[in-house]
C-alpha cells in the first residue's frame, strides 16, 4: 500500500470517527442544519494539501443568496494526533456555522476576524496542551486568549484583503467575538456578529 493511500485511509478513518463520536462536532453539524442550511455532499473531505496546513475551508465566490456550499478540507498528508485532528475539523466547522448564520464575507476584515476568533476559541486548538506542543505556551493566565488572538491575526494576514490591517481587525472584534460561544451557548444575547 502506498504512503498516499495509507494517509488517505488514516484521514478518512479519523474523520468518520470524529464526525460520529465527537459531541462538539455533532453539535455544530446539528446547529448548521438547525439554522436551515443543508449540509452539502462531501461537506468534509480528506485531500492532499500542498501548503503546510492541517485543513481549511473553501467557499465559492459569488452571490451570497446562492446555496450553502462551503467545503471543509482536512489535509490527509498532514494528519496529526486525534485531538489536533478533531480541533482542526471543529475550527473549520465553526467557520461553516458562521457562514450559515451570518453569511460571512471573507473580504470584510471585521467578519473574517470574528469567525477566526470564534474558530480558534471554540475549537480547542488554544488549550494549554496544544500550545505547549507548539512551544507557544508563555503563561497560564490569559494564555488561551493570547493564542486565539495570535492565530486569528495569522489567518487574516493570509487574506490579501486584510493583511495590512490584520492586527487592528482582530483587536477591534476580539471582545465581542471571543465571548460569542454559539452554538455551544444557549445565551443568544451573547451571539454577536459584525455586519456592514
N, C-alpha and C. Protein backbone atom coordinates (compact mmCIF):
# COMPACT_ATOMS: atom_id res chain seq x y z
N UNK A 1 0.85 -1.19 0.00
CA UNK A 1 0.00 0.00 0.00
C UNK A 1 0.89 1.24 0.00
N UNK A 2 0.60 2.20 -0.87
CA UNK A 2 1.41 3.40 -0.97
C UNK A 2 1.20 4.30 0.24
N UNK A 3 2.17 5.19 0.45
CA UNK A 3 2.08 6.14 1.56
C UNK A 3 0.85 7.04 1.40
N UNK A 4 0.58 7.48 0.15
CA UNK A 4 -0.59 8.34 -0.09
C UNK A 4 -1.88 7.63 0.27
N UNK A 5 -1.98 6.35 -0.08
CA UNK A 5 -3.19 5.57 0.22
C UNK A 5 -3.32 5.38 1.73
N UNK A 6 -2.22 5.12 2.41
CA UNK A 6 -2.24 4.98 3.88
C UNK A 6 -2.69 6.29 4.53
N UNK A 7 -2.14 7.41 4.05
CA UNK A 7 -2.52 8.71 4.60
C UNK A 7 -4.00 9.00 4.39
N UNK A 8 -4.48 8.69 3.19
CA UNK A 8 -5.89 8.91 2.86
C UNK A 8 -6.79 8.03 3.73
N UNK A 9 -6.42 6.76 3.85
CA UNK A 9 -7.22 5.84 4.67
C UNK A 9 -7.24 6.28 6.13
N UNK A 10 -6.08 6.68 6.65
CA UNK A 10 -6.00 7.13 8.05
C UNK A 10 -6.87 8.37 8.26
N UNK A 11 -6.78 9.33 7.35
CA UNK A 11 -7.56 10.56 7.46
C UNK A 11 -9.05 10.25 7.42
N UNK A 12 -9.47 9.45 6.45
CA UNK A 12 -10.89 9.13 6.33
C UNK A 12 -11.41 8.36 7.54
N UNK A 13 -10.60 7.49 8.08
CA UNK A 13 -10.98 6.75 9.28
C UNK A 13 -11.13 7.69 10.48
N UNK A 14 -10.16 8.58 10.66
CA UNK A 14 -10.22 9.55 11.76
C UNK A 14 -11.40 10.49 11.59
N UNK A 15 -11.67 10.88 10.34
CA UNK A 15 -12.79 11.78 10.07
C UNK A 15 -14.12 11.12 10.40
N UNK A 16 -14.28 9.89 9.97
CA UNK A 16 -15.51 9.16 10.25
C UNK A 16 -15.73 9.03 11.76
N UNK A 17 -14.68 8.72 12.49
CA UNK A 17 -14.76 8.59 13.93
C UNK A 17 -15.09 9.93 14.59
N UNK A 18 -14.44 11.00 14.14
CA UNK A 18 -14.67 12.33 14.72
C UNK A 18 -16.11 12.78 14.51
N UNK A 19 -16.62 12.61 13.29
CA UNK A 19 -17.98 13.05 12.98
C UNK A 19 -19.02 12.23 13.74
N UNK A 20 -18.74 10.96 13.96
CA UNK A 20 -19.73 10.11 14.62
C UNK A 20 -19.62 10.11 16.14
N UNK A 21 -18.45 10.45 16.68
CA UNK A 21 -18.25 10.30 18.12
C UNK A 21 -17.99 11.60 18.89
N UNK A 22 -17.51 12.63 18.23
CA UNK A 22 -17.16 13.87 18.95
C UNK A 22 -18.43 14.71 19.16
N UNK A 23 -18.84 14.91 20.41
CA UNK A 23 -20.10 15.63 20.65
C UNK A 23 -20.06 17.10 20.22
N UNK A 24 -18.89 17.73 20.27
CA UNK A 24 -18.81 19.14 19.85
C UNK A 24 -18.97 19.24 18.33
N UNK A 25 -18.38 18.32 17.60
CA UNK A 25 -18.53 18.30 16.15
C UNK A 25 -19.99 18.04 15.80
N UNK A 26 -20.60 17.09 16.48
CA UNK A 26 -22.02 16.79 16.24
C UNK A 26 -22.90 17.99 16.56
N UNK A 27 -22.56 18.73 17.63
CA UNK A 27 -23.34 19.92 18.00
C UNK A 27 -23.33 20.95 16.87
N UNK A 28 -22.16 21.19 16.29
CA UNK A 28 -22.07 22.20 15.22
C UNK A 28 -22.78 21.73 13.96
N UNK A 29 -22.61 20.47 13.61
CA UNK A 29 -23.32 19.95 12.43
C UNK A 29 -24.84 20.06 12.62
N UNK A 30 -25.33 19.69 13.80
CA UNK A 30 -26.77 19.81 14.08
C UNK A 30 -27.22 21.27 14.04
N UNK A 31 -26.37 22.17 14.57
CA UNK A 31 -26.73 23.59 14.60
C UNK A 31 -26.79 24.17 13.19
N UNK A 32 -25.90 23.77 12.32
CA UNK A 32 -25.93 24.24 10.93
C UNK A 32 -27.26 23.84 10.28
N UNK A 33 -27.63 22.59 10.45
CA UNK A 33 -28.90 22.14 9.88
C UNK A 33 -30.08 22.81 10.57
N UNK A 34 -29.94 23.06 11.88
CA UNK A 34 -31.00 23.74 12.63
C UNK A 34 -31.24 25.17 12.16
N UNK A 35 -30.22 25.76 11.57
CA UNK A 35 -30.35 27.12 11.01
C UNK A 35 -30.97 27.09 9.61
N UNK A 36 -31.19 25.89 9.08
CA UNK A 36 -31.81 25.76 7.77
C UNK A 36 -30.84 25.55 6.62
N UNK A 37 -29.57 25.38 6.93
CA UNK A 37 -28.60 25.12 5.87
C UNK A 37 -28.45 23.62 5.69
N UNK A 38 -28.60 23.17 4.48
CA UNK A 38 -28.46 21.75 4.17
C UNK A 38 -26.98 21.44 4.02
N UNK A 39 -26.53 20.43 4.75
CA UNK A 39 -25.13 20.03 4.66
C UNK A 39 -24.90 19.44 3.27
N UNK A 40 -23.99 20.04 2.48
CA UNK A 40 -23.77 19.53 1.13
C UNK A 40 -23.06 18.18 1.13
N UNK A 41 -23.20 17.47 0.03
CA UNK A 41 -22.49 16.20 -0.15
C UNK A 41 -20.98 16.49 -0.11
N UNK A 42 -20.24 15.59 0.47
CA UNK A 42 -18.79 15.76 0.62
C UNK A 42 -18.44 17.05 1.36
N UNK A 43 -19.24 17.38 2.35
CA UNK A 43 -19.05 18.61 3.14
C UNK A 43 -17.68 18.64 3.80
N UNK A 44 -17.25 17.52 4.32
CA UNK A 44 -15.92 17.41 4.92
C UNK A 44 -15.19 16.31 4.18
N UNK A 45 -14.01 16.65 3.64
CA UNK A 45 -13.29 15.67 2.84
C UNK A 45 -11.79 15.69 3.15
N UNK A 46 -11.19 14.54 3.08
CA UNK A 46 -9.74 14.42 3.19
C UNK A 46 -9.13 14.62 1.81
N UNK A 47 -8.11 15.45 1.74
CA UNK A 47 -7.44 15.73 0.47
C UNK A 47 -5.94 15.93 0.74
N UNK A 48 -5.16 15.76 -0.29
CA UNK A 48 -3.74 16.09 -0.23
C UNK A 48 -3.61 17.61 -0.31
N UNK A 49 -2.80 18.20 0.54
CA UNK A 49 -2.61 19.66 0.54
C UNK A 49 -1.16 20.00 0.24
N UNK A 50 -0.95 20.96 -0.61
CA UNK A 50 0.41 21.42 -0.93
C UNK A 50 0.96 22.28 0.20
N UNK A 51 0.11 23.11 0.79
CA UNK A 51 0.55 24.00 1.87
C UNK A 51 0.77 23.21 3.15
N UNK A 52 1.57 23.76 4.03
CA UNK A 52 1.85 23.11 5.32
C UNK A 52 0.77 23.52 6.33
N UNK A 53 -0.43 22.99 6.12
CA UNK A 53 -1.58 23.27 6.97
C UNK A 53 -2.28 21.96 7.30
N UNK A 54 -3.12 21.98 8.33
CA UNK A 54 -3.86 20.78 8.69
C UNK A 54 -5.22 20.72 8.02
N UNK A 55 -5.74 21.87 7.61
CA UNK A 55 -7.04 21.89 6.97
C UNK A 55 -7.43 23.29 6.56
N UNK A 56 -8.60 23.38 5.96
CA UNK A 56 -9.08 24.68 5.51
C UNK A 56 -10.53 24.59 5.05
N UNK A 57 -11.04 25.71 4.64
CA UNK A 57 -12.42 25.82 4.19
C UNK A 57 -12.43 26.48 2.83
N UNK A 58 -13.13 25.88 1.90
CA UNK A 58 -13.31 26.52 0.60
C UNK A 58 -14.73 27.08 0.54
N UNK A 59 -14.81 28.29 0.07
CA UNK A 59 -16.11 28.96 -0.04
C UNK A 59 -16.21 29.52 -1.46
N UNK A 60 -17.21 29.07 -2.21
CA UNK A 60 -17.35 29.59 -3.57
C UNK A 60 -17.59 31.09 -3.56
N UNK A 61 -16.93 31.79 -4.47
CA UNK A 61 -17.20 33.22 -4.65
C UNK A 61 -18.53 33.37 -5.36
N UNK A 62 -19.14 34.48 -5.15
CA UNK A 62 -20.37 34.72 -5.89
C UNK A 62 -21.48 35.23 -5.02
N UNK A 63 -22.68 35.05 -5.49
CA UNK A 63 -23.89 35.56 -4.86
C UNK A 63 -24.10 34.94 -3.48
N UNK A 64 -24.24 35.79 -2.47
CA UNK A 64 -24.47 35.32 -1.11
C UNK A 64 -25.81 34.61 -0.96
N UNK A 65 -26.70 34.82 -1.89
CA UNK A 65 -28.02 34.21 -1.80
C UNK A 65 -28.03 32.79 -2.38
N UNK A 66 -26.90 32.39 -2.97
CA UNK A 66 -26.86 31.06 -3.57
C UNK A 66 -26.84 29.98 -2.48
N UNK A 67 -26.91 28.75 -2.91
CA UNK A 67 -26.96 27.62 -1.99
C UNK A 67 -25.75 27.60 -1.06
N UNK A 68 -25.96 27.03 0.11
CA UNK A 68 -24.92 26.86 1.11
C UNK A 68 -23.97 25.77 0.62
N UNK A 69 -22.75 26.15 0.20
CA UNK A 69 -21.85 25.17 -0.41
C UNK A 69 -20.40 25.25 0.05
N UNK A 70 -20.13 25.57 1.31
CA UNK A 70 -18.72 25.52 1.72
C UNK A 70 -18.25 24.07 1.76
N UNK A 71 -16.95 23.89 1.71
CA UNK A 71 -16.40 22.54 1.89
C UNK A 71 -15.20 22.62 2.80
N UNK A 72 -15.18 21.72 3.78
CA UNK A 72 -14.07 21.61 4.70
C UNK A 72 -13.10 20.57 4.14
N UNK A 73 -11.84 20.97 4.07
CA UNK A 73 -10.77 20.07 3.61
C UNK A 73 -9.88 19.77 4.80
N UNK A 74 -9.66 18.48 5.06
CA UNK A 74 -8.70 18.05 6.06
C UNK A 74 -7.51 17.51 5.29
N UNK A 75 -6.33 17.99 5.60
CA UNK A 75 -5.13 17.63 4.83
C UNK A 75 -4.61 16.26 5.26
N UNK A 76 -4.86 15.29 4.41
CA UNK A 76 -4.53 13.90 4.75
C UNK A 76 -3.03 13.67 4.86
N UNK A 77 -2.23 14.51 4.23
CA UNK A 77 -0.78 14.37 4.32
C UNK A 77 -0.19 15.14 5.50
N UNK A 78 -1.06 15.75 6.31
CA UNK A 78 -0.60 16.47 7.50
C UNK A 78 -1.40 16.04 8.73
N UNK A 79 -1.92 14.83 8.72
CA UNK A 79 -2.71 14.34 9.85
C UNK A 79 -1.80 14.15 11.05
N UNK A 80 -2.26 14.66 12.17
CA UNK A 80 -1.53 14.54 13.43
C UNK A 80 -2.35 13.68 14.39
N UNK A 81 -2.14 13.87 15.67
CA UNK A 81 -2.87 13.04 16.64
C UNK A 81 -4.35 13.42 16.67
N UNK A 82 -5.14 12.58 17.29
CA UNK A 82 -6.61 12.68 17.30
C UNK A 82 -7.11 14.06 17.76
N UNK A 83 -6.56 14.60 18.85
CA UNK A 83 -7.06 15.87 19.39
C UNK A 83 -6.83 17.03 18.42
N UNK A 84 -5.65 17.09 17.81
CA UNK A 84 -5.39 18.16 16.84
C UNK A 84 -6.24 17.98 15.59
N UNK A 85 -6.39 16.75 15.16
CA UNK A 85 -7.23 16.45 14.01
C UNK A 85 -8.66 16.95 14.26
N UNK A 86 -9.21 16.59 15.41
CA UNK A 86 -10.59 16.98 15.72
C UNK A 86 -10.72 18.48 15.94
N UNK A 87 -9.71 19.13 16.51
CA UNK A 87 -9.81 20.58 16.67
C UNK A 87 -9.74 21.29 15.32
N UNK A 88 -9.00 20.69 14.36
CA UNK A 88 -8.97 21.25 13.00
C UNK A 88 -10.35 21.16 12.36
N UNK A 89 -10.98 20.00 12.47
CA UNK A 89 -12.32 19.82 11.92
C UNK A 89 -13.29 20.80 12.59
N UNK A 90 -13.21 20.91 13.89
CA UNK A 90 -14.11 21.80 14.63
C UNK A 90 -13.87 23.26 14.27
N UNK A 91 -12.62 23.65 14.12
CA UNK A 91 -12.28 25.02 13.70
C UNK A 91 -12.99 25.36 12.39
N UNK A 92 -12.85 24.48 11.42
CA UNK A 92 -13.47 24.73 10.11
C UNK A 92 -14.99 24.67 10.19
N UNK A 93 -15.52 23.82 11.05
CA UNK A 93 -16.98 23.75 11.23
C UNK A 93 -17.53 25.05 11.83
N UNK A 94 -16.78 25.68 12.71
CA UNK A 94 -17.23 26.98 13.26
C UNK A 94 -17.34 27.99 12.12
N UNK A 95 -16.37 27.99 11.21
CA UNK A 95 -16.48 28.88 10.04
C UNK A 95 -17.73 28.54 9.24
N UNK A 96 -17.96 27.26 9.01
CA UNK A 96 -19.14 26.84 8.23
C UNK A 96 -20.43 27.26 8.93
N UNK A 97 -20.46 27.15 10.24
CA UNK A 97 -21.62 27.60 11.02
C UNK A 97 -21.82 29.11 10.85
N UNK A 98 -20.74 29.86 10.95
CA UNK A 98 -20.82 31.32 10.81
C UNK A 98 -21.27 31.72 9.41
N UNK A 99 -20.84 30.98 8.40
CA UNK A 99 -21.29 31.26 7.03
C UNK A 99 -22.80 31.05 6.94
N UNK A 100 -23.29 29.99 7.54
CA UNK A 100 -24.73 29.72 7.52
C UNK A 100 -25.49 30.79 8.30
N UNK A 101 -25.01 31.11 9.48
CA UNK A 101 -25.69 32.02 10.41
C UNK A 101 -25.60 33.47 9.97
N UNK A 102 -24.43 33.89 9.52
CA UNK A 102 -24.20 35.32 9.30
C UNK A 102 -23.77 35.67 7.89
N UNK A 103 -23.76 34.67 6.99
CA UNK A 103 -23.35 34.92 5.59
C UNK A 103 -22.01 35.67 5.55
N UNK A 104 -21.01 35.11 6.24
CA UNK A 104 -19.70 35.75 6.35
C UNK A 104 -19.12 36.07 4.98
N UNK A 105 -18.64 37.28 4.87
CA UNK A 105 -17.93 37.73 3.67
C UNK A 105 -16.46 37.82 4.07
N UNK A 106 -15.63 36.93 3.55
CA UNK A 106 -14.22 36.88 3.93
C UNK A 106 -13.42 38.05 3.38
N UNK A 107 -14.03 38.87 2.53
CA UNK A 107 -13.38 40.10 2.08
C UNK A 107 -13.60 41.23 3.09
N UNK A 108 -14.56 41.06 3.98
CA UNK A 108 -14.83 42.01 5.06
C UNK A 108 -13.96 41.60 6.25
N UNK A 109 -12.95 42.40 6.54
CA UNK A 109 -11.96 42.03 7.55
C UNK A 109 -12.55 41.90 8.95
N UNK A 110 -13.57 42.67 9.28
CA UNK A 110 -14.22 42.55 10.59
C UNK A 110 -14.92 41.19 10.70
N UNK A 111 -15.59 40.79 9.64
CA UNK A 111 -16.27 39.49 9.66
C UNK A 111 -15.27 38.34 9.65
N UNK A 112 -14.23 38.47 8.85
CA UNK A 112 -13.21 37.42 8.82
C UNK A 112 -12.54 37.31 10.20
N UNK A 113 -12.22 38.44 10.81
CA UNK A 113 -11.60 38.42 12.15
C UNK A 113 -12.52 37.73 13.15
N UNK A 114 -13.79 38.04 13.11
CA UNK A 114 -14.73 37.47 14.07
C UNK A 114 -14.80 35.95 13.94
N UNK A 115 -14.92 35.45 12.73
CA UNK A 115 -15.03 33.99 12.58
C UNK A 115 -13.72 33.30 12.94
N UNK A 116 -12.58 33.94 12.70
CA UNK A 116 -11.30 33.35 13.09
C UNK A 116 -11.14 33.33 14.61
N UNK A 117 -11.55 34.39 15.27
CA UNK A 117 -11.50 34.43 16.74
C UNK A 117 -12.37 33.33 17.30
N UNK A 118 -13.59 33.23 16.80
CA UNK A 118 -14.53 32.21 17.29
C UNK A 118 -14.00 30.79 17.01
N UNK A 119 -13.48 30.56 15.81
CA UNK A 119 -13.00 29.23 15.45
C UNK A 119 -11.81 28.81 16.32
N UNK A 120 -10.88 29.74 16.54
CA UNK A 120 -9.73 29.41 17.38
C UNK A 120 -10.14 29.19 18.83
N UNK A 121 -11.08 29.97 19.29
CA UNK A 121 -11.54 29.85 20.67
C UNK A 121 -12.37 28.59 20.91
N UNK A 122 -13.32 28.32 20.03
CA UNK A 122 -14.28 27.23 20.26
C UNK A 122 -13.77 25.86 19.85
N UNK A 123 -12.73 25.80 19.04
CA UNK A 123 -12.24 24.51 18.54
C UNK A 123 -11.39 23.75 19.55
N UNK A 124 -10.86 24.45 20.54
CA UNK A 124 -9.97 23.80 21.49
C UNK A 124 -8.51 23.84 21.06
N UNK A 125 -8.24 24.45 19.91
CA UNK A 125 -6.86 24.49 19.43
C UNK A 125 -5.95 25.34 20.30
N UNK A 126 -6.54 26.17 21.15
CA UNK A 126 -5.73 27.02 22.02
C UNK A 126 -5.71 26.53 23.47
N UNK A 127 -6.05 25.27 23.66
CA UNK A 127 -5.94 24.77 25.04
C UNK A 127 -4.46 24.62 25.39
N UNK A 128 -4.21 24.49 26.66
CA UNK A 128 -2.84 24.51 27.17
C UNK A 128 -1.95 23.43 26.56
N UNK A 129 -2.49 22.25 26.31
CA UNK A 129 -1.69 21.16 25.76
C UNK A 129 -1.28 21.44 24.31
N UNK A 130 -2.21 21.98 23.53
CA UNK A 130 -1.88 22.31 22.14
C UNK A 130 -0.81 23.40 22.09
N UNK A 131 -0.93 24.39 22.95
CA UNK A 131 0.06 25.47 22.99
C UNK A 131 1.42 24.95 23.43
N UNK A 132 1.45 24.09 24.42
CA UNK A 132 2.73 23.52 24.88
C UNK A 132 3.36 22.70 23.76
N UNK A 133 2.55 21.93 23.05
CA UNK A 133 3.04 21.10 21.94
C UNK A 133 3.67 21.96 20.84
N UNK A 134 3.11 23.16 20.62
CA UNK A 134 3.63 24.07 19.59
C UNK A 134 4.76 24.96 20.14
N UNK A 135 5.12 24.76 21.42
CA UNK A 135 6.15 25.57 22.10
C UNK A 135 5.77 27.05 22.12
N UNK A 136 4.47 27.34 22.25
CA UNK A 136 3.98 28.71 22.28
C UNK A 136 3.46 29.12 23.65
N UNK A 137 3.47 28.20 24.61
CA UNK A 137 2.92 28.48 25.93
C UNK A 137 3.88 29.39 26.69
N UNK A 138 3.45 30.62 26.95
CA UNK A 138 4.29 31.58 27.66
C UNK A 138 3.76 31.88 29.04
N UNK A 139 2.45 31.67 29.23
CA UNK A 139 1.86 31.93 30.54
C UNK A 139 0.56 31.15 30.65
N UNK A 140 0.15 30.89 31.88
CA UNK A 140 -1.10 30.16 32.09
C UNK A 140 -2.28 31.10 32.04
N UNK A 141 -2.24 32.17 32.84
CA UNK A 141 -3.36 33.12 32.89
C UNK A 141 -3.39 33.93 31.61
N UNK A 142 -4.49 33.87 30.90
CA UNK A 142 -4.65 34.64 29.67
C UNK A 142 -3.97 34.02 28.46
N UNK A 143 -3.36 32.86 28.64
CA UNK A 143 -2.65 32.22 27.54
C UNK A 143 -3.56 31.82 26.39
N UNK A 144 -4.76 31.36 26.72
CA UNK A 144 -5.70 30.95 25.66
C UNK A 144 -6.11 32.16 24.83
N UNK A 145 -6.37 33.29 25.48
CA UNK A 145 -6.75 34.49 24.73
C UNK A 145 -5.60 34.96 23.83
N UNK A 146 -4.37 34.89 24.34
CA UNK A 146 -3.21 35.27 23.53
C UNK A 146 -3.10 34.37 22.31
N UNK A 147 -3.33 33.07 22.51
CA UNK A 147 -3.28 32.11 21.41
C UNK A 147 -4.35 32.42 20.37
N UNK A 148 -5.57 32.65 20.82
CA UNK A 148 -6.67 32.96 19.90
C UNK A 148 -6.35 34.20 19.09
N UNK A 149 -5.87 35.23 19.77
CA UNK A 149 -5.53 36.48 19.09
C UNK A 149 -4.42 36.23 18.06
N UNK A 150 -3.35 35.53 18.46
CA UNK A 150 -2.23 35.26 17.57
C UNK A 150 -2.67 34.47 16.34
N UNK A 151 -3.47 33.43 16.55
CA UNK A 151 -3.88 32.58 15.43
C UNK A 151 -4.86 33.31 14.50
N UNK A 152 -5.72 34.14 15.07
CA UNK A 152 -6.65 34.92 14.23
C UNK A 152 -5.87 35.92 13.37
N UNK A 153 -4.88 36.57 13.96
CA UNK A 153 -4.07 37.52 13.19
C UNK A 153 -3.34 36.80 12.05
N UNK A 154 -2.77 35.63 12.34
CA UNK A 154 -2.08 34.86 11.29
C UNK A 154 -3.02 34.52 10.14
N UNK A 155 -4.24 34.15 10.46
CA UNK A 155 -5.21 33.82 9.42
C UNK A 155 -5.54 35.04 8.57
N UNK A 156 -5.76 36.18 9.22
CA UNK A 156 -6.08 37.39 8.46
C UNK A 156 -4.90 37.86 7.63
N UNK A 157 -3.69 37.62 8.10
CA UNK A 157 -2.51 38.01 7.32
C UNK A 157 -2.39 37.20 6.03
N UNK A 158 -3.06 36.06 5.97
CA UNK A 158 -3.07 35.26 4.74
C UNK A 158 -4.19 35.66 3.79
N UNK A 159 -5.01 36.61 4.20
CA UNK A 159 -6.08 37.13 3.36
C UNK A 159 -5.59 38.43 2.73
N UNK A 160 -5.39 38.49 1.42
CA UNK A 160 -4.85 39.71 0.80
C UNK A 160 -5.68 40.96 1.08
N UNK A 161 -6.97 40.79 1.34
CA UNK A 161 -7.83 41.94 1.64
C UNK A 161 -7.60 42.48 3.04
N UNK A 162 -7.01 41.67 3.92
CA UNK A 162 -6.90 42.03 5.34
C UNK A 162 -5.47 42.10 5.85
N UNK A 163 -4.52 41.71 5.04
CA UNK A 163 -3.13 41.60 5.50
C UNK A 163 -2.63 42.86 6.20
N UNK A 164 -2.89 44.01 5.62
CA UNK A 164 -2.36 45.27 6.17
C UNK A 164 -3.04 45.69 7.47
N UNK A 165 -4.25 45.19 7.72
CA UNK A 165 -4.98 45.62 8.92
C UNK A 165 -5.35 44.43 9.82
N UNK A 166 -4.65 43.32 9.67
CA UNK A 166 -5.00 42.09 10.39
C UNK A 166 -5.06 42.31 11.91
N UNK A 167 -4.02 42.87 12.47
CA UNK A 167 -3.97 43.03 13.94
C UNK A 167 -5.08 43.97 14.42
N UNK A 168 -5.30 45.07 13.73
CA UNK A 168 -6.36 46.00 14.12
C UNK A 168 -7.74 45.36 14.02
N UNK A 169 -7.98 44.64 12.93
CA UNK A 169 -9.29 43.98 12.75
C UNK A 169 -9.55 42.98 13.87
N UNK A 170 -8.54 42.19 14.23
CA UNK A 170 -8.70 41.22 15.31
C UNK A 170 -8.90 41.93 16.64
N UNK A 171 -8.10 42.94 16.92
CA UNK A 171 -8.25 43.66 18.20
C UNK A 171 -9.61 44.33 18.32
N UNK A 172 -10.11 44.90 17.23
CA UNK A 172 -11.42 45.57 17.26
C UNK A 172 -12.56 44.58 17.50
N UNK A 173 -12.44 43.38 16.98
CA UNK A 173 -13.53 42.39 17.09
C UNK A 173 -13.38 41.47 18.29
N UNK A 174 -12.24 41.50 18.96
CA UNK A 174 -11.89 40.44 19.90
C UNK A 174 -12.90 40.22 21.02
N UNK A 175 -13.22 41.23 21.78
CA UNK A 175 -14.06 41.02 22.97
C UNK A 175 -15.43 40.46 22.59
N UNK A 176 -16.09 41.07 21.62
CA UNK A 176 -17.42 40.60 21.22
C UNK A 176 -17.37 39.18 20.68
N UNK A 177 -16.42 38.92 19.81
CA UNK A 177 -16.40 37.64 19.11
C UNK A 177 -15.85 36.52 19.99
N UNK A 178 -14.92 36.82 20.86
CA UNK A 178 -14.39 35.81 21.79
C UNK A 178 -15.49 35.33 22.74
N UNK A 179 -16.38 36.22 23.08
CA UNK A 179 -17.47 35.88 24.00
C UNK A 179 -18.69 35.27 23.31
N UNK A 180 -18.70 35.23 21.99
CA UNK A 180 -19.80 34.63 21.24
C UNK A 180 -19.52 33.12 21.15
N UNK A 181 -20.24 32.35 21.93
CA UNK A 181 -20.00 30.91 22.01
C UNK A 181 -21.04 30.08 21.27
N UNK A 182 -21.81 30.70 20.39
CA UNK A 182 -22.79 29.95 19.62
C UNK A 182 -22.09 28.95 18.72
N UNK A 183 -22.52 27.76 18.55
CA UNK A 183 -23.77 27.17 19.02
C UNK A 183 -23.66 26.42 20.36
N UNK A 184 -22.56 26.63 21.08
CA UNK A 184 -22.36 25.90 22.33
C UNK A 184 -23.03 26.56 23.52
N UNK A 185 -23.40 27.82 23.41
CA UNK A 185 -24.06 28.54 24.49
C UNK A 185 -25.50 28.81 24.10
N UNK A 186 -26.39 28.63 25.04
CA UNK A 186 -27.81 28.93 24.79
C UNK A 186 -28.10 30.41 24.94
N UNK A 187 -27.11 31.18 25.39
CA UNK A 187 -27.28 32.61 25.63
C UNK A 187 -27.18 33.37 24.31
N UNK A 188 -28.30 33.48 23.63
CA UNK A 188 -28.31 34.11 22.31
C UNK A 188 -27.98 35.60 22.39
N UNK A 189 -28.11 36.20 23.56
CA UNK A 189 -27.78 37.62 23.71
C UNK A 189 -26.27 37.83 23.50
N UNK A 190 -25.48 36.79 23.71
CA UNK A 190 -24.03 36.91 23.52
C UNK A 190 -23.63 36.61 22.09
N UNK A 191 -24.57 36.25 21.25
CA UNK A 191 -24.27 35.91 19.86
C UNK A 191 -24.25 37.19 19.04
N UNK A 192 -23.07 37.74 18.88
CA UNK A 192 -22.91 39.00 18.17
C UNK A 192 -21.98 38.76 17.00
N UNK A 193 -22.39 39.17 15.82
CA UNK A 193 -21.52 39.02 14.67
C UNK A 193 -21.54 40.34 13.91
N UNK A 194 -20.37 40.87 13.55
CA UNK A 194 -20.35 42.18 12.88
C UNK A 194 -21.00 42.12 11.50
N UNK A 195 -21.72 43.13 11.18
CA UNK A 195 -22.31 43.25 9.84
C UNK A 195 -21.93 44.62 9.29
N UNK A 196 -22.14 44.77 8.01
CA UNK A 196 -21.82 46.06 7.38
C UNK A 196 -22.84 47.10 7.75
